[in-house]
C-alpha atoms as a PDB file:
ATOM      1  CA  MET A   1     140.638 115.752  91.046  1.00  0.00           C
ATOM      2  CA  PRO A   2     139.617 112.575  92.185  1.00  0.00           C
ATOM      3  CA  TYR A   3     135.644 111.759  92.155  1.00  0.00           C
ATOM      4  CA  ASP A   4     134.052 112.290  95.731  1.00  0.00           C
ATOM      5  CA  LEU A   5     131.201 110.301  96.847  1.00  0.00           C
ATOM      6  CA  ALA A   6     130.832 112.526  99.883  1.00  0.00           C
ATOM      7  CA  GLY A   7     127.159 114.021  99.813  1.00  0.00           C
ATOM      8  CA  ARG A   8     125.993 111.841  97.252  1.00  0.00           C
ATOM      9  CA  LEU A   9     123.301 108.774  97.742  1.00  0.00           C
ATOM     10  CA  VAL A  10     125.223 105.756  96.536  1.00  0.00           C
ATOM     11  CA  ILE A  11     123.575 102.469  96.333  1.00  0.00           C
ATOM     12  CA  GLY A  12     125.383  99.597  95.463  1.00  0.00           C
ATOM     13  CA  ILE A  13     123.615  96.757  93.259  1.00  0.00           C
ATOM     14  CA  ALA A  14     124.407  93.101  92.498  1.00  0.00           C
ATOM     15  CA  SER A  15     123.712  92.144  88.758  1.00  0.00           C
ATOM     16  CA  SER A  16     121.169  89.605  90.613  1.00  0.00           C
ATOM     17  CA  ALA A  17     119.154  92.480  91.842  1.00  0.00           C
ATOM     18  CA  LEU A  18     119.414  94.781  89.110  1.00  0.00           C
ATOM     19  CA  PHE A  19     118.643  91.739  86.122  1.00  0.00           C
ATOM     20  CA  ASP A  20     116.736  88.453  85.914  1.00  0.00           C
ATOM     21  CA  LEU A  21     119.750  85.961  85.694  1.00  0.00           C
ATOM     22  CA  THR A  22     117.531  82.895  85.842  1.00  0.00           C
ATOM     23  CA  GLU A  23     118.809  81.313  82.455  1.00  0.00           C
ATOM     24  CA  SER A  24     122.595  82.447  83.171  1.00  0.00           C
ATOM     25  CA  HIS A  25     121.917  80.755  86.943  1.00  0.00           C
ATOM     26  CA  ALA A  26     120.482  77.857  85.506  1.00  0.00           C
ATOM     27  CA  VAL A  27     123.312  77.181  83.218  1.00  0.00           C
ATOM     28  CA  PHE A  28     125.598  77.393  86.211  1.00  0.00           C
ATOM     29  CA  GLU A  29     123.740  75.317  88.328  1.00  0.00           C
ATOM     30  CA  GLU A  30     123.167  72.541  85.577  1.00  0.00           C
ATOM     31  CA  HIS A  31     126.541  72.412  83.898  1.00  0.00           C
ATOM     32  CA  GLY A  32     129.308  74.254  85.896  1.00  0.00           C
ATOM     33  CA  GLU A  33     131.428  77.021  85.755  1.00  0.00           C
ATOM     34  CA  GLU A  34     133.398  76.550  82.150  1.00  0.00           C
ATOM     35  CA  ALA A  35     129.995  76.394  80.723  1.00  0.00           C
ATOM     36  CA  TYR A  36     128.334  79.378  82.318  1.00  0.00           C
ATOM     37  CA  ARG A  37     131.382  81.318  81.045  1.00  0.00           C
ATOM     38  CA  THR A  38     130.543  79.730  77.485  1.00  0.00           C
ATOM     39  CA  TYR A  39     127.039  80.828  77.961  1.00  0.00           C
ATOM     40  CA  GLN A  40     128.051  84.547  78.775  1.00  0.00           C
ATOM     41  CA  ALA A  41     130.054  84.760  76.295  1.00  0.00           C
ATOM     42  CA  ASP A  42     127.719  83.318  73.394  1.00  0.00           C
ATOM     43  CA  HIS A  43     124.744  85.758  74.826  1.00  0.00           C
ATOM     44  CA  LEU A  44     126.951  88.665  75.154  1.00  0.00           C
ATOM     45  CA  THR A  45     125.176  90.862  73.033  1.00  0.00           C
ATOM     46  CA  ASP A  46     121.747  89.775  74.599  1.00  0.00           C
ATOM     47  CA  ARG A  47     120.259  92.118  76.483  1.00  0.00           C
ATOM     48  CA  LEU A  48     118.983  91.099  80.000  1.00  0.00           C
ATOM     49  CA  HIS A  49     115.506  91.705  81.228  1.00  0.00           C
ATOM     50  CA  PRO A  50     115.005  93.915  84.135  1.00  0.00           C
ATOM     51  CA  GLY A  51     115.065  92.176  87.408  1.00  0.00           C
ATOM     52  CA  VAL A  52     113.584  92.623  90.971  1.00  0.00           C
ATOM     53  CA  ALA A  53     115.015  96.161  91.834  1.00  0.00           C
ATOM     54  CA  PHE A  54     115.428  97.760  88.251  1.00  0.00           C
ATOM     55  CA  PRO A  55     112.583  99.532  88.587  1.00  0.00           C
ATOM     56  CA  PHE A  56     113.883 101.283  91.694  1.00  0.00           C
ATOM     57  CA  ILE A  57     117.207 102.095  90.324  1.00  0.00           C
ATOM     58  CA  SER A  58     116.311 103.468  87.212  1.00  0.00           C
ATOM     59  CA  ARG A  59     113.996 105.796  88.796  1.00  0.00           C
ATOM     60  CA  LEU A  60     116.458 106.895  91.587  1.00  0.00           C
ATOM     61  CA  LEU A  61     119.156 107.461  89.135  1.00  0.00           C
ATOM     62  CA  SER A  62     116.217 109.779  86.918  1.00  0.00           C
ATOM     63  CA  LEU A  63     116.301 111.993  89.578  1.00  0.00           C
ATOM     64  CA  ASN A  64     119.848 113.120  88.548  1.00  0.00           C
ATOM     65  CA  ASP A  65     118.260 115.540  86.198  1.00  0.00           C
ATOM     66  CA  LEU A  66     117.766 117.650  89.464  1.00  0.00           C
ATOM     67  CA  ALA A  67     121.813 118.180  89.384  1.00  0.00           C
ATOM     68  CA  ASP A  68     124.612 119.111  87.153  1.00  0.00           C
ATOM     69  CA  PRO A  69     125.417 116.113  84.943  1.00  0.00           C
ATOM     70  CA  GLY A  70     129.109 116.353  86.069  1.00  0.00           C
ATOM     71  CA  ASP A  71     127.969 116.271  89.943  1.00  0.00           C
ATOM     72  CA  PRO A  72     125.006 114.079  90.276  1.00  0.00           C
ATOM     73  CA  LEU A  73     122.920 113.437  93.427  1.00  0.00           C
ATOM     74  CA  VAL A  74     122.824 109.500  92.678  1.00  0.00           C
ATOM     75  CA  GLU A  75     125.620 107.043  92.361  1.00  0.00           C
ATOM     76  CA  VAL A  76     124.993 103.442  91.370  1.00  0.00           C
ATOM     77  CA  ILE A  77     127.789 101.080  91.328  1.00  0.00           C
ATOM     78  CA  VAL A  78     127.842  97.342  90.368  1.00  0.00           C
ATOM     79  CA  LEU A  79     129.238  95.027  93.253  1.00  0.00           C
ATOM     80  CA  SER A  80     129.772  91.712  91.273  1.00  0.00           C
ATOM     81  CA  ARG A  81     130.984  87.817  92.052  1.00  0.00           C
ATOM     82  CA  ASN A  82     131.447  87.823  88.278  1.00  0.00           C
ATOM     83  CA  ASP A  83     134.936  88.454  87.118  1.00  0.00           C
ATOM     84  CA  PRO A  84     135.703  91.167  84.314  1.00  0.00           C
ATOM     85  CA  ASP A  85     135.064  89.037  81.411  1.00  0.00           C
ATOM     86  CA  THR A  86     132.215  87.292  82.446  1.00  0.00           C
ATOM     87  CA  GLY A  87     130.655  90.621  83.821  1.00  0.00           C
ATOM     88  CA  LEU A  88     130.907  92.573  80.357  1.00  0.00           C
ATOM     89  CA  ARG A  89     127.042  91.184  79.723  1.00  0.00           C
ATOM     90  CA  VAL A  90     126.306  92.857  82.462  1.00  0.00           C
ATOM     91  CA  MET A  91     127.607  96.199  81.770  1.00  0.00           C
ATOM     92  CA  ARG A  92     126.103  95.963  77.833  1.00  0.00           C
ATOM     93  CA  SER A  93     122.929  95.462  79.152  1.00  0.00           C
ATOM     94  CA  ILE A  94     122.862  98.391  81.575  1.00  0.00           C
ATOM     95  CA  GLU A  95     124.096 100.565  78.665  1.00  0.00           C
ATOM     96  CA  SER A  96     121.406  98.902  76.521  1.00  0.00           C
ATOM     97  CA  HIS A  97     118.699 100.058  78.910  1.00  0.00           C
ATOM     98  CA  GLY A  98     119.845 103.597  79.209  1.00  0.00           C
ATOM     99  CA  LEU A  99     120.974 103.328  82.877  1.00  0.00           C
ATOM    100  CA  ALA A 100     123.168 105.824  83.929  1.00  0.00           C
ATOM    101  CA  ILE A 101     125.943 103.304  85.716  1.00  0.00           C
ATOM    102  CA  SER A 102     129.501 103.324  84.630  1.00  0.00           C
ATOM    103  CA  ARG A 103     131.377 101.947  87.732  1.00  0.00           C
ATOM    104  CA  ALA A 104     131.516  98.354  88.864  1.00  0.00           C
ATOM    105  CA  ILE A 105     133.696  95.980  90.990  1.00  0.00           C
ATOM    106  CA  PHE A 106     134.208  92.601  90.010  1.00  0.00           C
ATOM    107  CA  MET A 107     135.674  90.234  92.141  1.00  0.00           C
ATOM    108  CA  GLN A 108     135.671  86.383  90.720  1.00  0.00           C
ATOM    109  CA  GLY A 109     133.928  84.006  93.392  1.00  0.00           C
ATOM    110  CA  ARG A 110     134.079  86.907  96.099  1.00  0.00           C
ATOM    111  CA  SER A 111     131.833  89.148  97.526  1.00  0.00           C
ATOM    112  CA  PRO A 112     132.540  93.314  97.005  1.00  0.00           C
ATOM    113  CA  TYR A 113     130.395  94.229  99.766  1.00  0.00           C
ATOM    114  CA  LYS A 114     133.642  94.830 102.240  1.00  0.00           C
ATOM    115  CA  PHE A 115     133.891  97.683 100.005  1.00  0.00           C
ATOM    116  CA  MET A 116     130.888  99.213 100.632  1.00  0.00           C
ATOM    117  CA  PRO A 117     132.179 101.720 103.343  1.00  0.00           C
ATOM    118  CA  ALA A 118     135.181 102.956 101.096  1.00  0.00           C
ATOM    119  CA  LEU A 119     132.767 103.910  98.353  1.00  0.00           C
ATOM    120  CA  ASN A 120     130.271 105.745 101.034  1.00  0.00           C
ATOM    121  CA  MET A 121     127.126 103.176 100.269  1.00  0.00           C
ATOM    122  CA  SER A 122     123.847 103.591 102.030  1.00  0.00           C
ATOM    123  CA  LEU A 123     122.429 100.437 100.847  1.00  0.00           C
ATOM    124  CA  PHE A 124     123.440  97.300  98.769  1.00  0.00           C
ATOM    125  CA  LEU A 125     120.853  95.220  97.577  1.00  0.00           C
ATOM    126  CA  SER A 126     121.349  91.227  95.987  1.00  0.00           C
ATOM    127  CA  ALA A 127     119.701  88.146  95.553  1.00  0.00           C
ATOM    128  CA  ASN A 128     122.436  86.476  97.430  1.00  0.00           C
ATOM    129  CA  GLU A 129     120.891  86.021 100.679  1.00  0.00           C
ATOM    130  CA  ARG A 130     124.393  84.873 101.927  1.00  0.00           C
ATOM    131  CA  ASP A 131     126.098  88.003 101.167  1.00  0.00           C
ATOM    132  CA  VAL A 132     123.561  89.927 102.473  1.00  0.00           C
ATOM    133  CA  ARG A 133     123.442  88.332 105.749  1.00  0.00           C
ATOM    134  CA  GLU A 134     127.228  88.981 106.205  1.00  0.00           C
ATOM    135  CA  ALA A 135     127.053  92.418 105.031  1.00  0.00           C
ATOM    136  CA  VAL A 136     124.235  92.811 107.667  1.00  0.00           C
ATOM    137  CA  SER A 137     126.584  91.439 110.262  1.00  0.00           C
ATOM    138  CA  ALA A 138     128.974  93.104 109.743  1.00  0.00           C
ATOM    139  CA  GLY A 139     127.214  96.554 110.587  1.00  0.00           C
ATOM    140  CA  LEU A 140     126.651  97.554 106.682  1.00  0.00           C
ATOM    141  CA  PRO A 141     123.284  98.258 105.035  1.00  0.00           C
ATOM    142  CA  ALA A 142     122.084  95.700 103.119  1.00  0.00           C
ATOM    143  CA  GLY A 143     119.126  93.904 101.818  1.00  0.00           C
ATOM    144  CA  HIS A 144     117.741  90.794 100.185  1.00  0.00           C
ATOM    145  CA  VAL A 145     115.688  90.994  96.997  1.00  0.00           C
ATOM    146  CA  VAL A 146     113.004  88.303  97.030  1.00  0.00           C
ATOM    147  CA  GLY A 147     110.239  87.325  94.488  1.00  0.00           C
ATOM    148  CA  LEU A 148     109.974  87.864  90.736  1.00  0.00           C
ATOM    149  CA  PRO A 149     110.325  91.244  88.654  1.00  0.00           C
ATOM    150  CA  CYS A 150     106.921  92.539  89.073  1.00  0.00           C
ATOM    151  CA  GLU A 151     105.438  94.376  85.946  1.00  0.00           C
ATOM    152  CA  ASP A 152     106.458  97.925  85.664  1.00  0.00           C
ATOM    153  CA  ASP A 153     104.293 100.828  84.273  1.00  0.00           C
ATOM    154  CA  ALA A 154     106.725 103.037  82.446  1.00  0.00           C
ATOM    155  CA  ASP A 155     104.225 106.041  82.016  1.00  0.00           C
ATOM    156  CA  ASP A 156     104.790 106.510  85.681  1.00  0.00           C
ATOM    157  CA  GLY A 157     107.251 108.318  86.314  1.00  0.00           C
ATOM    158  CA  ASP A 158     107.620 108.877  89.788  1.00  0.00           C
ATOM    159  CA  LEU A 159     109.622 106.647  92.600  1.00  0.00           C
ATOM    160  CA  ARG A 160     107.813 105.300  95.717  1.00  0.00           C
ATOM    161  CA  ILE A 161     109.837 104.239  98.744  1.00  0.00           C
ATOM    162  CA  ALA A 162     108.064 102.099 101.746  1.00  0.00           C
ATOM    163  CA  PHE A 163     109.809 101.077 104.642  1.00  0.00           C
ATOM    164  CA  ASP A 164     108.724  98.876 107.707  1.00  0.00           C
ATOM    165  CA  PHE A 165     109.947 100.448 110.792  1.00  0.00           C
ATOM    166  CA  ASP A 166     111.197  98.006 113.528  1.00  0.00           C
ATOM    167  CA  GLY A 167     114.291  96.125 112.470  1.00  0.00           C
ATOM    168  CA  VAL A 168     114.568  98.708 109.278  1.00  0.00           C
ATOM    169  CA  LEU A 169     114.577 102.044 110.035  1.00  0.00           C
ATOM    170  CA  ALA A 170     115.045 101.430 113.945  1.00  0.00           C
ATOM    171  CA  THR A 171     116.350  98.421 115.886  1.00  0.00           C
ATOM    172  CA  ASP A 172     114.749  95.581 116.606  1.00  0.00           C
ATOM    173  CA  ALA A 173     114.859  96.201 120.532  1.00  0.00           C
ATOM    174  CA  SER A 174     111.292  97.063 120.511  1.00  0.00           C
ATOM    175  CA  GLU A 175     110.194  93.717 118.217  1.00  0.00           C
ATOM    176  CA  GLN A 176     112.407  91.636 120.989  1.00  0.00           C
ATOM    177  CA  VAL A 177     110.394  92.990 123.722  1.00  0.00           C
ATOM    178  CA  PHE A 178     106.998  92.042 121.404  1.00  0.00           C
ATOM    179  CA  GLN A 179     108.924  88.323 120.746  1.00  0.00           C
ATOM    180  CA  LYS A 180     109.696  87.776 124.475  1.00  0.00           C
ATOM    181  CA  ASP A 181     106.374  89.135 126.133  1.00  0.00           C
ATOM    182  CA  GLY A 182     103.479  89.474 123.732  1.00  0.00           C
ATOM    183  CA  ILE A 183     101.614  92.298 122.494  1.00  0.00           C
ATOM    184  CA  GLU A 184     100.310  93.962 125.798  1.00  0.00           C
ATOM    185  CA  GLU A 185     104.046  94.066 127.255  1.00  0.00           C
ATOM    186  CA  PHE A 186     104.916  95.470 123.823  1.00  0.00           C
ATOM    187  CA  ARG A 187     102.190  98.174 124.004  1.00  0.00           C
ATOM    188  CA  ALA A 188     102.679  99.177 127.689  1.00  0.00           C
ATOM    189  CA  HIS A 189     106.922  99.564 126.895  1.00  0.00           C
ATOM    190  CA  GLU A 190     106.055 101.741 124.048  1.00  0.00           C
ATOM    191  CA  ILE A 191     103.698 103.539 125.969  1.00  0.00           C
ATOM    192  CA  LYS A 192     106.354 104.287 128.560  1.00  0.00           C
ATOM    193  CA  ASN A 193     109.158 105.422 126.235  1.00  0.00           C
ATOM    194  CA  ALA A 194     106.761 107.422 123.397  1.00  0.00           C
ATOM    195  CA  ALA A 195     109.157 110.342 124.155  1.00  0.00           C
ATOM    196  CA  VAL A 196     112.249 107.933 124.099  1.00  0.00           C
ATOM    197  CA  PRO A 197     113.877 107.623 120.122  1.00  0.00           C
ATOM    198  CA  HIS A 198     114.466 104.314 118.993  1.00  0.00           C
ATOM    199  CA  ASP A 199     118.107 103.931 118.219  1.00  0.00           C
ATOM    200  CA  ALA A 200     118.411 104.227 114.595  1.00  0.00           C
ATOM    201  CA  GLY A 201     118.389 100.826 112.570  1.00  0.00           C
ATOM    202  CA  PRO A 202     120.283  99.564 109.231  1.00  0.00           C
ATOM    203  CA  LEU A 203     118.334 101.898 106.701  1.00  0.00           C
ATOM    204  CA  LYS A 204     118.248 105.319 108.805  1.00  0.00           C
ATOM    205  CA  ASP A 205     120.981 106.769 106.800  1.00  0.00           C
ATOM    206  CA  PHE A 206     119.572 105.317 103.370  1.00  0.00           C
ATOM    207  CA  LEU A 207     116.128 107.352 104.338  1.00  0.00           C
ATOM    208  CA  SER A 208     118.626 110.681 105.321  1.00  0.00           C
ATOM    209  CA  ASN A 209     120.171 110.424 102.235  1.00  0.00           C
ATOM    210  CA  VAL A 210     116.868 109.941 100.302  1.00  0.00           C
ATOM    211  CA  ASN A 211     115.459 112.880 102.425  1.00  0.00           C
ATOM    212  CA  ARG A 212     118.294 115.662 100.638  1.00  0.00           C
ATOM    213  CA  ILE A 213     117.037 114.617  97.531  1.00  0.00           C
ATOM    214  CA  GLN A 214     113.537 115.357  98.604  1.00  0.00           C
ATOM    215  CA  GLN A 215     114.939 118.564  99.895  1.00  0.00           C
ATOM    216  CA  ARG A 216     116.521 119.295  96.512  1.00  0.00           C
ATOM    217  CA  GLU A 217     113.402 118.660  94.792  1.00  0.00           C
ATOM    218  CA  GLU A 218     111.193 121.213  96.833  1.00  0.00           C
ATOM    219  CA  GLU A 219     113.810 123.535  96.213  1.00  0.00           C
ATOM    220  CA  GLU A 220     113.057 123.221  92.241  1.00  0.00           C
ATOM    221  CA  ARG A 221     109.050 123.369  93.249  1.00  0.00           C
ATOM    222  CA  ARG A 222     109.896 126.900  94.877  1.00  0.00           C
ATOM    223  CA  ASN A 223     111.796 127.857  92.164  1.00  0.00           C
ATOM    224  CA  HIS A 224     109.405 126.671  89.347  1.00  0.00           C
ATOM    225  CA  SER A 225     106.036 126.485  90.410  1.00  0.00           C
ATOM    226  CA  ASP A 226     105.051 123.931  87.384  1.00  0.00           C
ATOM    227  CA  TYR A 227     107.403 121.408  88.633  1.00  0.00           C
ATOM    228  CA  ARG A 228     105.800 118.235  90.266  1.00  0.00           C
ATOM    229  CA  ILE A 229     107.510 116.190  93.132  1.00  0.00           C
ATOM    230  CA  ARG A 230     108.266 112.471  91.880  1.00  0.00           C
ATOM    231  CA  LEU A 231     109.932 111.155  94.900  1.00  0.00           C
ATOM    232  CA  HIS A 232     107.882 110.120  98.062  1.00  0.00           C
ATOM    233  CA  VAL A 233     108.249 107.913 101.234  1.00  0.00           C
ATOM    234  CA  SER A 234     105.842 106.036 103.255  1.00  0.00           C
ATOM    235  CA  ILE A 235     106.713 103.754 106.422  1.00  0.00           C
ATOM    236  CA  VAL A 236     104.299 100.427 106.714  1.00  0.00           C
ATOM    237  CA  THR A 237     104.280  99.300 109.756  1.00  0.00           C
ATOM    238  CA  ALA A 238     102.655  96.524 111.956  1.00  0.00           C
ATOM    239  CA  ARG A 239     102.314  98.918 114.814  1.00  0.00           C
ATOM    240  CA  ASN A 240      99.029 100.985 115.790  1.00  0.00           C
ATOM    241  CA  ALA A 241      98.130 103.109 118.475  1.00  0.00           C
ATOM    242  CA  PRO A 242      98.689 103.649 121.038  1.00  0.00           C
ATOM    243  CA  ALA A 243     102.883 102.372 119.980  1.00  0.00           C
ATOM    244  CA  HIS A 244     102.450 104.880 116.710  1.00  0.00           C
ATOM    245  CA  GLU A 245     104.242 107.593 118.514  1.00  0.00           C
ATOM    246  CA  ARG A 246     107.343 106.285 119.129  1.00  0.00           C
ATOM    247  CA  PRO A 247     108.160 106.172 115.477  1.00  0.00           C
ATOM    248  CA  VAL A 248     107.133 109.644 114.979  1.00  0.00           C
ATOM    249  CA  THR A 249     108.881 110.894 117.652  1.00  0.00           C
ATOM    250  CA  SER A 250     112.278 109.112 116.579  1.00  0.00           C
ATOM    251  CA  LEU A 251     112.120 110.161 112.897  1.00  0.00           C
ATOM    252  CA  LYS A 252     111.853 113.746 114.495  1.00  0.00           C
ATOM    253  CA  GLU A 253     114.492 113.311 116.821  1.00  0.00           C
ATOM    254  CA  TRP A 254     116.892 111.976 113.697  1.00  0.00           C
ATOM    255  CA  GLY A 255     115.994 114.640 111.653  1.00  0.00           C
ATOM    256  CA  VAL A 256     114.378 112.416 108.744  1.00  0.00           C
ATOM    257  CA  THR A 257     110.683 112.575 107.586  1.00  0.00           C
ATOM    258  CA  VAL A 258     108.171 110.554 105.269  1.00  0.00           C
ATOM    259  CA  ASN A 259     105.283 111.573 103.509  1.00  0.00           C
ATOM    260  CA  ASP A 260     102.805 108.912 104.705  1.00  0.00           C
ATOM    261  CA  ALA A 261     102.688 106.727 107.383  1.00  0.00           C
ATOM    262  CA  PHE A 262     100.536 103.277 107.722  1.00  0.00           C
ATOM    263  CA  PHE A 263      99.685 101.804 111.157  1.00  0.00           C
ATOM    264  CA  LEU A 264      98.193  98.683 110.334  1.00  0.00           C
ATOM    265  CA  GLY A 265      97.806  96.345 113.401  1.00  0.00           C
ATOM    266  CA  GLY A 266      98.286  93.584 112.005  1.00  0.00           C
ATOM    267  CA  ILE A 267      96.648  94.458 108.654  1.00  0.00           C
ATOM    268  CA  GLU A 268      97.840  92.281 105.557  1.00  0.00           C
ATOM    269  CA  LYS A 269     100.758  94.430 104.143  1.00  0.00           C
ATOM    270  CA  GLY A 270     100.024  92.796 100.704  1.00  0.00           C
ATOM    271  CA  GLU A 271      97.107  94.516 100.336  1.00  0.00           C
ATOM    272  CA  ILE A 272      97.997  97.736 101.000  1.00  0.00           C
ATOM    273  CA  MET A 273     101.294  97.605  98.645  1.00  0.00           C
ATOM    274  CA  ARG A 274      98.432  96.720  96.040  1.00  0.00           C
ATOM    275  CA  VAL A 275      97.431 100.304  96.346  1.00  0.00           C
ATOM    276  CA  LEU A 276     100.371 102.383  97.229  1.00  0.00           C
ATOM    277  CA  LYS A 277     102.249 100.461  94.687  1.00  0.00           C
ATOM    278  CA  PRO A 278     105.796 101.488  95.995  1.00  0.00           C
ATOM    279  CA  HIS A 279     108.752 100.802  93.293  1.00  0.00           C
ATOM    280  CA  ILE A 280     110.804  98.777  96.627  1.00  0.00           C
ATOM    281  CA  PHE A 281     109.631  97.595 100.163  1.00  0.00           C
ATOM    282  CA  PHE A 282     111.741  96.911 102.897  1.00  0.00           C
ATOM    283  CA  ASP A 283     111.080  94.784 105.671  1.00  0.00           C
ATOM    284  CA  ASP A 284     112.804  92.422 108.045  1.00  0.00           C
ATOM    285  CA  GLN A 285     110.621  89.824 108.567  1.00  0.00           C
ATOM    286  CA  GLU A 286     110.479  87.297 105.553  1.00  0.00           C
ATOM    287  CA  ILE A 287     106.690  86.202 106.567  1.00  0.00           C
ATOM    288  CA  HIS A 288     105.464  89.907 105.345  1.00  0.00           C
ATOM    289  CA  LEU A 289     107.349  89.662 102.197  1.00  0.00           C
ATOM    290  CA  LYS A 290     105.709  86.569 100.897  1.00  0.00           C
ATOM    291  CA  SER A 291     102.248  88.773 100.465  1.00  0.00           C
ATOM    292  CA  THR A 292     104.524  92.059  99.410  1.00  0.00           C
ATOM    293  CA  SER A 293     106.483  90.307  96.684  1.00  0.00           C
ATOM    294  CA  LEU A 294     103.914  89.054  94.447  1.00  0.00           C
ATOM    295  CA  THR A 295     102.934  92.783  93.547  1.00  0.00           C
ATOM    296  CA  THR A 296     105.962  94.691  95.028  1.00  0.00           C
ATOM    297  CA  PRO A 297     109.724  94.654  94.602  1.00  0.00           C
ATOM    298  CA  SER A 298     110.126  93.600  98.112  1.00  0.00           C
ATOM    299  CA  VAL A 299     113.920  93.382  99.926  1.00  0.00           C
ATOM    300  CA  HIS A 300     114.248  91.548 103.079  1.00  0.00           C
ATOM    301  CA  VAL A 301     116.734  93.191 105.746  1.00  0.00           C
ATOM    302  CA  PRO A 302     117.690  90.449 107.938  1.00  0.00           C
ATOM    303  CA  PHE A 303     118.299  92.405 110.647  1.00  0.00           C
ATOM    304  CA  GLY A 304     117.902  91.735 114.562  1.00  0.00           C
ATOM    305  CA  LYS A 305     117.210  88.887 116.810  1.00  0.00           C
ATOM    306  CA  ILE A 306     114.316  87.336 114.659  1.00  0.00           C
ATOM    307  CA  ASN A 307     116.731  87.003 111.968  1.00  0.00           C
ATOM    308  CA  ASP A 308     119.691  85.358 113.963  1.00  0.00           C
ATOM    309  CA  GLN A 309     121.045  82.545 112.330  1.00  0.00           C
ATOM    310  CA  THR A 310     124.370  81.501 110.886  1.00  0.00           C
ATOM    311  CA  ALA A 311     124.640  81.614 107.495  1.00  0.00           C
ATOM    312  CA  PRO A 312     121.226  79.903 105.538  1.00  0.00           C
ATOM    313  CA  PRO A 313     121.764  76.431 104.659  1.00  0.00           C
ATOM    314  CA  HIS A 314     119.951  76.248 101.276  1.00  0.00           C
ATOM    315  CA  VAL A 315     122.257  79.187 100.110  1.00  0.00           C
ATOM    316  CA  THR A 316     125.097  77.430  97.824  1.00  0.00           C
ATOM    317  CA  THR A 317     127.779  79.186  95.813  1.00  0.00           C
ATOM    318  CA  SER A 318     126.903  80.283  92.694  1.00  0.00           C
ATOM    319  CA  SER A 319     127.862  81.695  89.250  1.00  0.00           C
ATOM    320  CA  GLU A 320     127.400  85.299  90.624  1.00  0.00           C
ATOM    321  CA  ASP A 321     124.550  86.849  93.263  1.00  0.00           C
ATOM    322  CA  THR A 322     121.588  84.269  92.653  1.00  0.00           C
END
């Protein structure tokens, strides 16, 4: 029978998000494609170092121990601009790191994000900003990893995921009110609509699939009293009271849950992340990620009016996804 992806949490990952490709990308930039291909062939057996999203992916895959080996809860698939030949080093590095990733799409010089719906993907992560923006513009859930790889505590077996709310889990409709009319009009708008759920944003379905794994963990704890919950979800938003009620109403109406909520009212998110220590944080505004990315694997979700622009001028064709 065909391998069915329905009912699983499926993540697409570019090698630039999974591994640190700084050296190989520099070869491409300085010497061109042929030199890059030679470099990858010469370093085929050299294991790539973990990238920004590596801790998130490795911990997510570890949750497959809750299911039968042939029926995993989580499936991670490489989506790469490399051709199959130059992609060999990526697949060897995946094997060397012990990651349970066996499926990949290699498309020489082209982005494979268009295959996301066919693969039932809830999320695509890449360091190629252009690819991510194009995916989001096409209505697909994607995020641009930013910053450098953060130090990871190998003794910490938990997985902590943190989301901003507006423009990530919800649409940016209320954010547009704030941008246009200011904070007081925004608060008045949210009070007036406190009982009206937001429309779902780009990562709401991803959260729904994460919740399914959390439900599986709860079943495991009911059956085995010594089981310790590993997966924890938070929202970390610049909202505060009285604008806090509508997000809670929305989550309940959507049928999704979070473990913790931080309504910060403009408090610097980076300081919260230093304590919360999520393994990935999603936000639609780059200004917030400047501080969070110093200590936390951070992802920009270029959704909504505040991110409206044509393809970013500083992005150029690259060797892969960087």
